Amino acid sequence: MKAVIIAAGCGSRLKDKHKGIPKTLLTIQGKRIIDDIIEKLRISGISEIIIITGYKHQVLKSELSNYQNSVIKLSFVYNKDWKKANGISVLAARHALSINDQFILLMSDHIFSKEMLELIIETEIEKDEALLALDFKIDKIPDLDDGMKIQCKLIKDNIYLINRFGKQLNDFNAIDSGMFKLNFSFFEALEKSISEGNRSLSDACNILSEKGKMKGIDIGGCLWLDIDTPEMIEKKYIISNGGKLILLKTFI
């Protein structure tokens, strides 16, 4: 299995923190976000990683040159349209993958527990399906207004059928954690969505939802955080299932 990391955006809400470098190079508790992601992928058995770049792409490539002679195989795909919606960046990965590939899609500004990653890797899906890690701890989400809301229903064990994605949904019961397990066939939905003028990742997911092919898995007590605002770094926390504050250094 391979992994795709979306690292194309400029992180405008954190511009005072990252001072012009790609946001994923920010250091939290002594470790760069991107290094934490790569390390967890390696521990989970994934060593072939495709990074979609955009903003300051040469800087990012240069900063990751330390992986050149390691067991990690990094390849880079530049998205010249990185200022557009994130679906464009996901689609850019298509040419770096083959038709039989199954891959994990990650956001370069998210930190997460290795248990969460292993959960989604181990969950099986059909060739025409997609899987998203779902967080049902809605009252513990630090930036709920900006979160991608999910409307879904339980179908078996901790597997859900996702009916709808939308930041403005009023009727929702979970939050998109930004971690996906996808098949190459996902690009068909993405191309269709983009051709209709809908360029976000969630737009393509809604196409699969309409077909009953978008699944979700409950992450339970697993922890994650979208590093999207200065407060996420300054407060140095994530919210646990019990509502307690946990220092990032105990999490990363």
Protein backbone atom coordinates (compact mmCIF):
# COMPACT_ATOMS: atom_id res chain seq x y z
CA MET A 1 0.00 0.00 0.00
CA LYS A 2 1.09 3.57 -0.71
CA ALA A 3 0.34 6.92 0.89
CA VAL A 4 -0.45 10.32 -0.61
CA ILE A 5 0.13 13.44 1.49
CA ILE A 6 -1.47 16.70 0.37
CA ALA A 7 1.04 19.49 1.10
CA ALA A 8 0.18 22.08 -1.55
CA GLY A 9 -1.50 24.89 0.40
CA CYS A 10 0.11 27.96 1.93
CA GLY A 11 -1.54 27.82 5.37
CA SER A 12 -2.73 31.43 5.31
CA ARG A 13 -4.16 31.34 8.84
CA LEU A 14 -0.73 30.39 10.19
CA LYS A 15 1.36 32.79 8.13
CA ASP A 16 2.73 34.53 11.23
CA LYS A 17 3.91 31.17 12.55
CA HIS A 18 5.39 29.48 9.48
CA LYS A 19 7.02 32.68 8.15
CA GLY A 20 6.79 31.67 4.52
CA ILE A 21 7.77 28.00 4.72
CA PRO A 22 5.27 25.21 3.96
CA LYS A 23 3.09 24.67 7.03
CA THR A 24 3.97 20.99 7.32
CA LEU A 25 7.56 22.01 8.17
CA LEU A 26 6.42 23.71 11.38
CA THR A 27 8.00 22.23 14.48
CA ILE A 28 5.78 21.15 17.36
CA GLN A 29 7.41 19.86 20.54
CA GLY A 30 10.70 19.49 18.67
CA LYS A 31 9.38 17.56 15.68
CA ARG A 32 8.27 18.75 12.25
CA ILE A 33 4.69 17.83 11.39
CA ILE A 34 5.74 16.10 8.15
CA ASP A 35 8.35 13.99 9.96
CA ASP A 36 5.75 12.79 12.45
CA ILE A 37 3.43 11.77 9.60
CA ILE A 38 6.18 9.94 7.70
CA GLU A 39 7.37 8.15 10.83
CA LYS A 40 3.89 6.87 11.62
CA LEU A 41 3.49 5.65 8.03
CA ARG A 42 6.81 3.81 8.27
CA ILE A 43 5.88 2.17 11.57
CA SER A 44 2.58 1.07 10.00
CA GLY A 45 4.36 -0.61 7.08
CA ILE A 46 4.03 2.08 4.40
CA SER A 47 7.33 3.25 2.94
CA GLU A 48 6.26 4.54 -0.50
CA ILE A 49 4.91 8.06 -0.09
CA ILE A 50 3.76 10.57 -2.71
CA ILE A 51 3.75 14.21 -1.63
CA ILE A 52 1.63 16.69 -3.57
CA THR A 53 3.35 20.06 -3.46
CA GLY A 54 2.38 23.57 -4.49
CA TYR A 55 3.31 26.56 -2.36
CA LYS A 56 7.11 26.79 -1.97
CA HIS A 57 7.45 23.33 -3.51
CA GLN A 58 11.21 23.55 -3.97
CA VAL A 59 11.66 24.46 -0.32
CA LEU A 60 9.65 21.42 0.76
CA LYS A 61 11.60 19.08 -1.51
CA SER A 62 14.89 20.45 -0.24
CA GLU A 63 13.86 20.16 3.41
CA LEU A 64 12.94 16.50 2.90
CA SER A 65 16.20 15.58 1.19
CA ASN A 66 17.26 13.75 4.38
CA TYR A 67 15.00 10.86 3.31
CA GLN A 68 16.92 10.23 0.05
CA ASN A 69 19.03 7.37 1.38
CA SER A 70 16.53 5.95 3.85
CA VAL A 71 14.02 3.11 3.67
CA ILE A 72 11.37 5.74 2.87
CA LYS A 73 10.73 6.28 -0.83
CA LEU A 74 9.46 9.82 -1.35
CA SER A 75 8.23 11.13 -4.69
CA PHE A 76 6.88 14.61 -5.38
CA VAL A 77 4.10 15.80 -7.66
CA TYR A 78 3.78 19.54 -8.22
CA ASN A 79 0.29 20.98 -8.53
CA LYS A 80 0.58 24.27 -10.40
CA ASP A 81 -3.04 25.03 -9.50
CA TRP A 82 -2.40 24.69 -5.77
CA LYS A 83 -4.37 27.86 -4.96
CA LYS A 84 -7.56 26.12 -6.08
CA ALA A 85 -9.66 23.70 -4.01
CA ASN A 86 -8.01 20.61 -2.55
CA GLY A 87 -9.64 18.21 -5.00
CA ILE A 88 -7.23 19.52 -7.65
CA SER A 89 -4.28 18.48 -5.50
CA VAL A 90 -5.73 15.02 -4.89
CA LEU A 91 -6.29 14.53 -8.62
CA ALA A 92 -2.64 15.42 -9.26
CA ALA A 93 -1.66 12.16 -7.54
CA ARG A 94 -3.36 10.09 -10.24
CA HIS A 95 -0.32 9.97 -12.53
CA ALA A 96 1.92 8.74 -9.71
CA LEU A 97 -0.32 5.73 -9.02
CA SER A 98 -1.39 2.68 -11.01
CA ILE A 99 -4.89 1.38 -11.66
CA ASN A 100 -4.59 -1.40 -9.07
CA ASP A 101 -3.24 0.81 -6.30
CA GLN A 102 -4.96 1.29 -2.98
CA PHE A 103 -3.63 4.19 -0.94
CA ILE A 104 -3.96 6.18 2.25
CA LEU A 105 -4.69 9.88 1.75
CA LEU A 106 -3.47 12.25 4.46
CA MET A 107 -3.39 15.99 5.06
CA SER A 108 0.08 17.43 5.73
CA ASP A 109 -1.16 19.66 8.57
CA HIS A 110 -2.84 16.93 10.62
CA ILE A 111 -1.25 15.04 13.48
CA PHE A 112 -2.77 11.79 14.64
CA SER A 113 -2.16 8.68 16.71
CA LYS A 114 -0.61 5.66 15.02
CA GLU A 115 -3.58 3.61 16.26
CA MET A 116 -5.88 5.72 14.11
CA LEU A 117 -3.71 5.15 11.04
CA GLU A 118 -3.47 1.42 11.67
CA LEU A 119 -7.25 1.21 12.08
CA ILE A 120 -7.95 2.63 8.64
CA ILE A 121 -5.16 0.61 6.99
CA GLU A 122 -6.55 -2.63 8.37
CA THR A 123 -10.18 -1.96 7.40
CA GLU A 124 -11.07 -3.64 4.11
CA ILE A 125 -13.07 -1.94 1.36
CA GLU A 126 -14.24 -3.03 -2.08
CA LYS A 127 -12.57 -1.80 -5.28
CA ASP A 128 -15.29 0.78 -5.93
CA GLU A 129 -15.51 2.04 -2.35
CA ALA A 130 -13.77 4.72 -0.29
CA LEU A 131 -13.23 4.90 3.46
CA LEU A 132 -12.95 7.87 5.82
CA ALA A 133 -11.88 7.95 9.48
CA LEU A 134 -14.81 9.48 11.41
CA ASP A 135 -14.68 11.32 14.72
CA PHE A 136 -17.94 11.17 16.70
CA LYS A 137 -16.51 13.21 19.59
CA ILE A 138 -18.16 16.33 18.18
CA ASP A 139 -18.19 18.31 21.42
CA LYS A 140 -14.40 17.87 21.68
CA ILE A 141 -13.53 19.34 18.25
CA PRO A 142 -11.50 22.57 18.82
CA ASP A 143 -12.57 24.32 15.58
CA LEU A 144 -16.00 22.84 14.89
CA ASP A 145 -17.21 25.71 12.71
CA ASP A 146 -14.49 24.95 10.15
CA GLY A 147 -14.85 21.18 10.44
CA MET A 148 -16.26 19.06 7.62
CA LYS A 149 -19.55 17.72 8.96
CA ILE A 150 -20.68 14.19 8.14
CA GLN A 151 -24.14 12.68 8.08
CA CYS A 152 -23.91 8.90 8.35
CA LYS A 153 -25.60 5.76 9.65
CA LEU A 154 -24.24 2.61 11.25
CA ILE A 155 -24.36 -0.48 9.01
CA LYS A 156 -22.21 -3.01 10.94
CA ASP A 157 -19.82 -3.06 13.89
CA ASN A 158 -18.11 0.37 13.71
CA ILE A 159 -18.55 0.81 9.94
CA TYR A 160 -20.85 3.57 8.70
CA LEU A 161 -22.48 4.47 5.41
CA ILE A 162 -21.86 8.15 4.74
CA ASN A 163 -24.85 10.02 3.31
CA ARG A 164 -23.50 13.55 3.06
CA PHE A 165 -20.47 15.81 3.51
CA GLY A 166 -20.74 19.56 4.13
CA LYS A 167 -19.29 22.28 6.34
CA GLN A 168 -22.73 23.88 6.59
CA LEU A 169 -24.69 20.72 7.42
CA ASN A 170 -27.13 21.19 10.29
CA ASP A 171 -28.00 17.50 10.61
CA PHE A 172 -24.68 15.73 11.23
CA ASN A 173 -23.31 13.18 13.67
CA ALA A 174 -19.57 12.97 12.89
CA ILE A 175 -16.57 15.00 11.73
CA ASP A 176 -14.21 14.25 8.85
CA SER A 177 -10.75 13.63 10.38
CA GLY A 178 -8.90 14.06 7.07
CA MET A 179 -7.68 10.46 6.77
CA PHE A 180 -8.90 8.31 3.87
CA LYS A 181 -8.35 4.88 2.39
CA LEU A 182 -8.95 5.09 -1.36
CA ASN A 183 -8.81 3.00 -4.49
CA PHE A 184 -7.61 4.29 -7.84
CA SER A 185 -11.28 4.33 -8.91
CA PHE A 186 -11.77 7.36 -6.63
CA PHE A 187 -10.23 9.52 -9.35
CA GLU A 188 -13.27 8.84 -11.54
CA ALA A 189 -15.54 10.52 -9.00
CA LEU A 190 -13.01 13.32 -8.59
CA GLU A 191 -12.80 13.97 -12.33
CA LYS A 192 -16.59 13.98 -12.61
CA SER A 193 -16.92 16.42 -9.74
CA ILE A 194 -14.27 18.78 -11.11
CA SER A 195 -15.81 18.68 -14.60
CA GLU A 196 -19.04 19.92 -13.02
CA GLY A 197 -17.21 22.81 -11.36
CA ASN A 198 -17.06 21.25 -7.89
CA ARG A 199 -13.37 21.05 -7.04
CA SER A 200 -13.14 20.03 -3.40
CA LEU A 201 -12.36 16.56 -2.08
CA SER A 202 -15.70 16.51 -0.29
CA ASP A 203 -17.54 17.12 -3.57
CA ALA A 204 -16.11 13.89 -4.99
CA CYS A 205 -16.96 12.09 -1.76
CA ASN A 206 -20.57 13.25 -2.09
CA ILE A 207 -20.72 11.63 -5.52
CA LEU A 208 -19.70 8.31 -3.95
CA SER A 209 -22.16 8.88 -1.11
CA GLU A 210 -24.99 9.14 -3.62
CA LYS A 211 -23.97 5.73 -4.95
CA GLY A 212 -23.73 4.17 -1.49
CA LYS A 213 -19.98 3.68 -1.90
CA MET A 214 -18.63 6.08 0.73
CA LYS A 215 -17.92 4.29 4.00
CA GLY A 216 -16.68 5.55 7.35
CA ILE A 217 -15.03 3.98 10.36
CA ASP A 218 -15.42 5.22 13.93
CA ILE A 219 -12.00 6.12 15.36
CA GLY A 220 -13.31 5.79 18.90
CA GLY A 221 -10.82 7.20 21.39
CA CYS A 222 -8.07 7.72 18.80
CA LEU A 223 -6.68 11.25 18.73
CA TRP A 224 -5.96 13.73 15.94
CA LEU A 225 -5.68 17.47 15.41
CA ASP A 226 -5.84 19.75 12.39
CA ILE A 227 -3.03 22.30 12.87
CA ASP A 228 -4.87 25.16 11.20
CA THR A 229 -4.69 28.16 13.52
CA PRO A 230 -2.06 29.72 15.84
CA GLU A 231 -4.12 28.57 18.82
CA MET A 232 -3.58 24.93 17.84
CA ILE A 233 0.15 25.42 18.38
CA GLU A 234 0.11 27.89 21.26
CA LYS A 235 -2.29 25.90 23.43
CA LYS A 236 -0.30 22.71 22.84
CA TYR A 237 -3.25 20.40 23.27
CA ILE A 238 -5.64 17.97 21.77
CA ILE A 239 -8.91 16.88 23.32
CA SER A 240 -9.17 13.33 24.58
CA ASN A 241 -12.34 11.25 24.76
CA GLY A 242 -12.73 12.24 28.37
CA GLY A 243 -12.34 15.93 27.60
CA LYS A 244 -8.94 16.28 29.26
CA LEU A 245 -6.16 18.43 27.84
CA ILE A 246 -3.15 16.44 26.67
CA LEU A 247 0.21 17.96 25.76
CA LEU A 248 1.16 17.30 22.17
CA LYS A 249 4.50 15.85 23.24
CA THR A 250 2.62 12.98 24.91
CA PHE A 251 0.68 12.48 21.71
CA ILE A 252 3.30 12.76 18.98
